[in-house]
């Protein structure tokens, strides 16, 4: 039974939503690690968190092997959810060394800390970026990995470390989740198209589409991603889950299984906003690292994790756009 959990990247977009989900799990301890200073203050200002969840906060960088190891040894957690990462694809192209240092070496530090502190369960937040621009649609976990960016490559290499620790029995149970295009309240990444469109609409401005808008993505709500993580922990703890136990490299696509073009996304968001606007189309910056079409085959996640996305894109977008609209 899961009692003590550590979340790296606990102050991040997914991390904050995951903490809310854990409120109903009756944990003995939940420790959050972030490289943000004093990030616990915002959690502590929320009385519900203080009353319902024994939270601990650690400001640390996953590149600091000793610092991370000390935290894990102190916490004696049974489960680690590793979310901490450098997530910007454009920035990974500009600064590949830093991306590799954080996402690969940092992940290795976390894995080693788990091993030394005898963590039983490890969930790794990977990315659909590991697939690159594959012609196989929908994308299955068996698709050949051809990442186009240093970010995608860093996630692929980190996955390999996770699988190695599992095969060597250094960590009893591991799962890697290849998360597709996550969106939701609280997202601040400037590279995310949903956030970009929402911010322009909040100012009464039309979304800007680069190219013809026919590129497709699988947009999944952050709430569904958080559910998938908790379901992963439950699958690892369920001794009767033969589908998980028989999987030598447990890796799962986390998406909706639905394809949405960028043009369709813009139209949906404009419609929800109630504004009378048309998207602006601008010349695309041609780059052979652009992923054209992407959406997930989530059959394995359904069969093994019992994961079924609950929030369709219209509902998810309404939750984002509503609070951002200009009050006129």
Protein backbone atom coordinates (compact mmCIF):
# COMPACT_ATOMS: atom_id res chain seq x y z
CA UNK A 1 0.00 0.00 0.00
CA UNK A 2 1.29 3.45 -0.95
CA UNK A 3 1.85 5.63 2.11
CA UNK A 4 4.77 7.94 1.44
CA UNK A 5 5.19 9.70 -1.92
CA UNK A 6 7.84 12.03 -3.35
CA UNK A 7 7.05 14.17 -6.40
CA UNK A 8 9.91 15.85 -8.23
CA UNK A 9 8.73 18.93 -10.09
CA UNK A 10 6.01 19.25 -7.48
CA UNK A 11 5.60 22.96 -8.15
CA UNK A 12 5.15 22.50 -11.89
CA UNK A 13 2.05 22.48 -14.06
CA UNK A 14 1.29 18.77 -13.78
CA UNK A 15 2.64 18.56 -10.24
CA UNK A 16 0.18 21.07 -8.82
CA UNK A 17 -2.78 19.24 -10.34
CA UNK A 18 -1.43 15.91 -9.12
CA UNK A 19 -1.18 17.15 -5.53
CA UNK A 20 -4.89 18.03 -5.65
CA UNK A 21 -5.67 14.49 -6.80
CA UNK A 22 -3.66 13.03 -3.95
CA UNK A 23 -5.83 14.86 -1.40
CA UNK A 24 -8.25 11.92 -1.45
CA UNK A 25 -5.59 9.21 -1.22
CA UNK A 26 -4.99 9.38 2.57
CA UNK A 27 -1.21 9.32 2.39
CA UNK A 28 1.00 9.38 5.46
CA UNK A 29 3.37 11.81 3.76
CA UNK A 30 3.73 13.70 0.50
CA UNK A 31 7.05 15.42 -0.22
CA UNK A 32 7.45 17.89 -3.09
CA UNK A 33 10.77 18.78 -4.67
CA UNK A 34 11.20 21.87 -6.84
CA UNK A 35 14.07 24.11 -7.84
CA UNK A 36 11.85 27.11 -7.03
CA UNK A 37 12.72 28.94 -3.83
CA UNK A 38 10.00 29.18 -1.15
CA UNK A 39 7.49 27.42 -3.40
CA UNK A 40 5.79 25.88 -0.37
CA UNK A 41 4.39 29.24 0.72
CA UNK A 42 1.61 29.14 -1.88
CA UNK A 43 0.61 25.62 -0.85
CA UNK A 44 0.61 26.57 2.83
CA UNK A 45 -1.58 29.60 2.13
CA UNK A 46 -4.27 27.16 0.96
CA UNK A 47 -5.91 25.83 4.12
CA UNK A 48 -7.32 22.79 2.37
CA UNK A 49 -3.85 21.51 1.58
CA UNK A 50 -2.70 22.08 5.16
CA UNK A 51 -5.71 20.34 6.70
CA UNK A 52 -5.96 17.35 4.39
CA UNK A 53 -2.42 16.53 3.37
CA UNK A 54 0.83 16.23 5.35
CA UNK A 55 2.99 18.14 2.87
CA UNK A 56 6.74 18.66 2.95
CA UNK A 57 8.65 21.01 0.68
CA UNK A 58 12.23 20.76 -0.55
CA UNK A 59 13.91 23.35 -2.75
CA UNK A 60 16.50 21.36 -4.68
CA UNK A 61 17.88 20.87 -8.18
CA UNK A 62 17.81 17.31 -9.53
CA UNK A 63 21.31 17.90 -10.91
CA UNK A 64 22.53 17.97 -7.30
CA UNK A 65 23.06 14.24 -6.75
CA UNK A 66 23.94 14.45 -3.06
CA UNK A 67 21.18 16.92 -2.27
CA UNK A 68 18.56 14.75 -3.96
CA UNK A 69 19.91 11.59 -2.34
CA UNK A 70 19.76 13.18 1.12
CA UNK A 71 16.09 14.12 0.62
CA UNK A 72 15.13 10.60 -0.41
CA UNK A 73 17.04 9.01 2.47
CA UNK A 74 15.31 11.38 4.89
CA UNK A 75 11.81 10.78 3.49
CA UNK A 76 11.96 6.98 3.15
CA UNK A 77 9.26 7.11 0.49
CA UNK A 78 7.75 4.02 -1.10
CA UNK A 79 6.79 5.83 -4.33
CA UNK A 80 8.44 8.47 -6.53
CA UNK A 81 6.71 10.38 -9.31
CA UNK A 82 9.39 12.03 -11.41
CA UNK A 83 8.02 15.10 -13.20
CA UNK A 84 10.97 17.50 -12.95
CA UNK A 85 12.34 18.37 -16.39
CA UNK A 86 13.27 21.12 -18.80
CA UNK A 87 10.25 20.98 -21.08
CA UNK A 88 10.71 23.61 -23.80
CA UNK A 89 11.42 22.11 -27.22
CA UNK A 90 12.63 25.43 -28.74
CA UNK A 91 14.91 26.04 -25.77
CA UNK A 92 16.27 22.50 -26.04
CA UNK A 93 17.37 23.33 -29.59
CA UNK A 94 19.09 26.51 -28.38
CA UNK A 95 20.55 24.95 -25.23
CA UNK A 96 20.84 21.19 -25.80
CA UNK A 97 23.55 20.64 -23.18
CA UNK A 98 21.43 22.07 -20.38
CA UNK A 99 18.41 20.03 -21.49
CA UNK A 100 20.47 16.83 -21.43
CA UNK A 101 22.04 17.70 -18.09
CA UNK A 102 18.65 18.19 -16.43
CA UNK A 103 16.50 15.61 -18.19
CA UNK A 104 19.02 12.78 -18.50
CA UNK A 105 21.64 13.23 -15.77
CA UNK A 106 19.08 14.71 -13.39
CA UNK A 107 16.77 11.74 -13.94
CA UNK A 108 19.67 9.39 -13.30
CA UNK A 109 20.30 11.16 -9.99
CA UNK A 110 16.65 10.65 -9.03
CA UNK A 111 16.75 6.98 -10.00
CA UNK A 112 19.90 6.40 -7.98
CA UNK A 113 18.35 8.18 -5.00
CA UNK A 114 15.32 5.89 -5.31
CA UNK A 115 17.59 2.84 -5.37
CA UNK A 116 19.59 3.91 -2.32
CA UNK A 117 16.46 4.75 -0.32
CA UNK A 118 14.62 1.58 -1.41
CA UNK A 119 11.73 3.22 -3.25
CA UNK A 120 9.41 0.50 -4.58
CA UNK A 121 7.42 2.36 -7.23
CA UNK A 122 8.67 4.82 -9.84
CA UNK A 123 6.54 6.73 -12.36
CA UNK A 124 8.40 8.69 -15.02
CA UNK A 125 6.74 11.48 -16.99
CA UNK A 126 8.09 10.95 -20.49
CA UNK A 127 6.77 12.55 -23.67
CA UNK A 128 5.31 11.77 -27.07
CA UNK A 129 8.26 13.78 -28.40
CA UNK A 130 10.26 10.54 -28.30
CA UNK A 131 8.40 9.38 -31.43
CA UNK A 132 9.29 12.29 -33.68
CA UNK A 133 7.31 12.65 -36.91
CA UNK A 134 6.23 9.04 -37.36
CA UNK A 135 4.03 7.86 -40.21
CA UNK A 136 2.34 5.32 -37.94
CA UNK A 137 -1.02 6.70 -36.82
CA UNK A 138 -2.35 6.33 -34.25
CA UNK A 139 1.02 6.04 -32.55
CA UNK A 140 1.57 2.87 -30.53
CA UNK A 141 4.23 2.27 -27.89
CA UNK A 142 5.98 -0.14 -30.28
CA UNK A 143 6.60 2.58 -32.84
CA UNK A 144 10.28 3.21 -33.64
CA UNK A 145 11.60 6.16 -31.66
CA UNK A 146 13.01 8.94 -33.82
CA UNK A 147 13.01 12.11 -31.71
CA UNK A 148 13.53 15.31 -33.68
CA UNK A 149 14.61 17.61 -30.85
CA UNK A 150 17.12 17.44 -27.99
CA UNK A 151 14.10 17.49 -25.67
CA UNK A 152 12.64 14.36 -27.29
CA UNK A 153 16.04 12.70 -27.28
CA UNK A 154 16.54 13.54 -23.60
CA UNK A 155 13.26 11.87 -22.70
CA UNK A 156 14.17 8.80 -24.74
CA UNK A 157 17.53 8.49 -22.98
CA UNK A 158 15.93 9.00 -19.56
CA UNK A 159 13.44 6.22 -20.37
CA UNK A 160 16.35 3.88 -21.07
CA UNK A 161 17.76 4.60 -17.61
CA UNK A 162 14.36 3.83 -16.08
CA UNK A 163 14.14 0.50 -17.92
CA UNK A 164 17.69 -0.37 -16.88
CA UNK A 165 16.98 0.22 -13.20
CA UNK A 166 13.90 -1.96 -13.56
CA UNK A 167 15.71 -4.82 -15.30
CA UNK A 168 18.51 -4.75 -12.73
CA UNK A 169 15.86 -4.89 -9.98
CA UNK A 170 17.22 -1.69 -8.46
CA UNK A 171 13.64 -0.43 -8.38
CA UNK A 172 10.89 -2.99 -8.01
CA UNK A 173 8.18 -1.36 -10.13
CA UNK A 174 8.56 1.26 -12.87
CA UNK A 175 6.26 2.88 -15.40
CA UNK A 176 7.05 5.45 -18.10
CA UNK A 177 4.18 7.56 -19.39
CA UNK A 178 4.55 9.07 -22.86
CA UNK A 179 2.36 12.09 -22.41
CA UNK A 180 0.97 13.77 -25.51
CA UNK A 181 -0.02 17.47 -25.71
CA UNK A 182 -1.13 18.31 -22.19
CA UNK A 183 -3.09 21.50 -21.52
CA UNK A 184 -5.12 23.02 -18.71
CA UNK A 185 -5.50 25.74 -16.11
CA UNK A 186 -2.24 27.08 -14.77
CA UNK A 187 -0.13 26.29 -17.82
CA UNK A 188 2.43 29.02 -18.43
CA UNK A 189 4.63 27.57 -21.17
CA UNK A 190 4.97 30.02 -24.05
CA UNK A 191 5.66 27.14 -26.41
CA UNK A 192 2.21 25.59 -25.83
CA UNK A 193 -0.29 26.40 -28.56
CA UNK A 194 -3.37 26.27 -26.31
CA UNK A 195 -1.84 28.79 -23.92
CA UNK A 196 -0.78 31.06 -26.79
CA UNK A 197 -4.24 31.03 -28.35
CA UNK A 198 -5.98 31.57 -24.99
CA UNK A 199 -3.82 34.56 -24.11
CA UNK A 200 -4.52 36.26 -27.42
CA UNK A 201 -8.25 35.62 -27.09
CA UNK A 202 -8.18 37.04 -23.56
CA UNK A 203 -6.98 40.30 -25.14
CA UNK A 204 -9.63 40.18 -27.85
CA UNK A 205 -7.06 39.18 -30.47
CA UNK A 206 -7.32 36.31 -32.97
CA UNK A 207 -5.07 33.24 -32.70
CA UNK A 208 -2.04 33.20 -34.99
CA UNK A 209 -1.52 29.99 -36.97
CA UNK A 210 1.81 29.33 -38.64
CA UNK A 211 1.33 27.43 -41.88
CA UNK A 212 -1.99 26.00 -43.05
CA UNK A 213 -3.08 24.73 -39.62
CA UNK A 214 -3.41 21.14 -40.81
CA UNK A 215 -0.84 19.81 -38.35
CA UNK A 216 -2.55 17.56 -35.82
CA UNK A 217 -2.03 16.89 -32.14
CA UNK A 218 -3.60 14.81 -29.37
CA UNK A 219 -4.59 17.35 -26.72
CA UNK A 220 -5.14 15.86 -23.26
CA UNK A 221 -6.34 17.62 -20.13
CA UNK A 222 -3.89 17.91 -17.25
CA UNK A 223 -6.58 16.44 -14.98
CA UNK A 224 -6.61 13.28 -17.09
CA UNK A 225 -2.80 13.16 -16.98
CA UNK A 226 -2.89 13.39 -13.18
CA UNK A 227 -5.44 10.56 -13.12
CA UNK A 228 -3.16 8.45 -15.33
CA UNK A 229 -0.29 8.92 -12.88
CA UNK A 230 -2.37 7.80 -9.92
CA UNK A 231 -3.69 4.84 -11.91
CA UNK A 232 -0.07 3.92 -12.68
CA UNK A 233 0.75 3.81 -8.98
CA UNK A 234 -2.29 1.65 -8.32
CA UNK A 235 -1.34 -0.73 -11.13
CA UNK A 236 2.12 -1.21 -9.64
CA UNK A 237 0.60 -1.91 -6.22
CA UNK A 238 -2.05 -4.30 -7.56
CA UNK A 239 -0.56 -7.77 -7.22
CA UNK A 240 -3.45 -9.18 -9.27
CA UNK A 241 -2.72 -6.98 -12.29
CA UNK A 242 -1.20 -9.64 -14.54
CA UNK A 243 -1.13 -7.28 -17.52
CA UNK A 244 1.29 -5.01 -15.68
CA UNK A 245 3.38 -7.81 -14.15
CA UNK A 246 3.91 -9.48 -17.54
CA UNK A 247 5.16 -6.27 -19.18
CA UNK A 248 8.98 -6.19 -19.27
CA UNK A 249 9.17 -2.48 -20.24
CA UNK A 250 6.00 -0.85 -18.90
CA UNK A 251 5.52 2.24 -21.05
CA UNK A 252 2.16 3.76 -21.89
CA UNK A 253 0.82 6.45 -24.18
CA UNK A 254 -1.26 9.01 -22.31
CA UNK A 255 -3.51 10.90 -24.68
CA UNK A 256 -7.14 10.87 -25.77
CA UNK A 257 -6.73 8.85 -28.95
CA UNK A 258 -8.28 11.76 -30.84
CA UNK A 259 -6.64 13.90 -33.50
CA UNK A 260 -7.25 17.67 -33.58
CA UNK A 261 -5.71 19.99 -36.16
CA UNK A 262 -4.32 23.36 -35.13
CA UNK A 263 -6.93 25.01 -37.35
CA UNK A 264 -9.72 23.09 -35.60
CA UNK A 265 -8.25 24.03 -32.22
CA UNK A 266 -8.30 27.73 -33.10
CA UNK A 267 -11.87 27.52 -34.37
CA UNK A 268 -13.04 25.72 -31.22
CA UNK A 269 -11.39 28.29 -28.97
CA UNK A 270 -12.82 31.24 -30.91
CA UNK A 271 -16.28 29.68 -30.77
CA UNK A 272 -16.03 29.11 -27.00
CA UNK A 273 -14.87 32.69 -26.48
CA UNK A 274 -17.92 34.07 -28.27
CA UNK A 275 -15.69 36.55 -30.11
CA UNK A 276 -16.23 37.24 -33.80
CA UNK A 277 -12.72 36.61 -35.03
CA UNK A 278 -10.89 34.70 -37.73
CA UNK A 279 -7.46 33.15 -37.19
CA UNK A 280 -4.46 34.95 -38.64
CA UNK A 281 -2.34 32.74 -40.90
CA UNK A 282 1.35 33.51 -41.13
CA UNK A 283 4.18 31.92 -43.05
CA UNK A 284 5.53 28.83 -41.38
CA UNK A 285 9.13 28.73 -40.25
CA UNK A 286 10.17 25.63 -42.15
CA UNK A 287 12.13 23.29 -39.92
CA UNK A 288 12.71 19.61 -40.55
CA UNK A 289 12.21 19.07 -36.81
CA UNK A 290 8.49 19.88 -37.00
CA UNK A 291 6.12 17.05 -36.11
CA UNK A 292 3.28 17.13 -38.63
CA UNK A 293 0.75 14.60 -37.39
CA UNK A 294 0.41 13.02 -33.97
CA UNK A 295 -2.20 11.22 -31.92
CA UNK A 296 -2.03 8.32 -29.51
CA UNK A 297 -3.09 4.72 -29.50
CA UNK A 298 -4.09 4.36 -25.84
CA UNK A 299 -5.17 0.71 -25.94
CA UNK A 300 -2.38 -0.41 -23.59
CA UNK A 301 -3.15 2.30 -21.06
CA UNK A 302 -6.81 1.28 -21.10
CA UNK A 303 -6.07 -2.43 -20.71
CA UNK A 304 -3.31 -2.25 -18.10
CA UNK A 305 -3.89 0.99 -16.20
CA UNK A 306 -7.66 1.13 -16.76
CA UNK A 307 -7.09 4.65 -18.02
CA UNK A 308 -9.98 6.31 -19.84
CA UNK A 309 -9.75 10.07 -20.46
CA UNK A 310 -12.76 11.80 -18.95
CA UNK A 311 -12.50 15.31 -20.36
CA UNK A 312 -13.05 16.02 -24.05
CA UNK A 313 -11.32 18.99 -25.62
CA UNK A 314 -14.40 21.24 -25.71
CA UNK A 315 -14.95 20.89 -21.97
CA UNK A 316 -11.26 21.32 -21.23
CA UNK A 317 -10.98 24.45 -23.36
CA UNK A 318 -14.04 26.02 -21.73
CA UNK A 319 -12.37 25.69 -18.34
CA UNK A 320 -9.33 27.59 -19.63
CA UNK A 321 -10.97 30.27 -21.74
CA UNK A 322 -13.82 31.19 -19.39
CA UNK A 323 -11.66 32.72 -16.62
CA UNK A 324 -9.38 34.45 -19.15
CA UNK A 325 -11.99 36.30 -21.19
CA UNK A 326 -12.07 40.08 -21.08
CA UNK A 327 -15.02 41.36 -19.06
CA UNK A 328 -16.74 43.92 -21.25
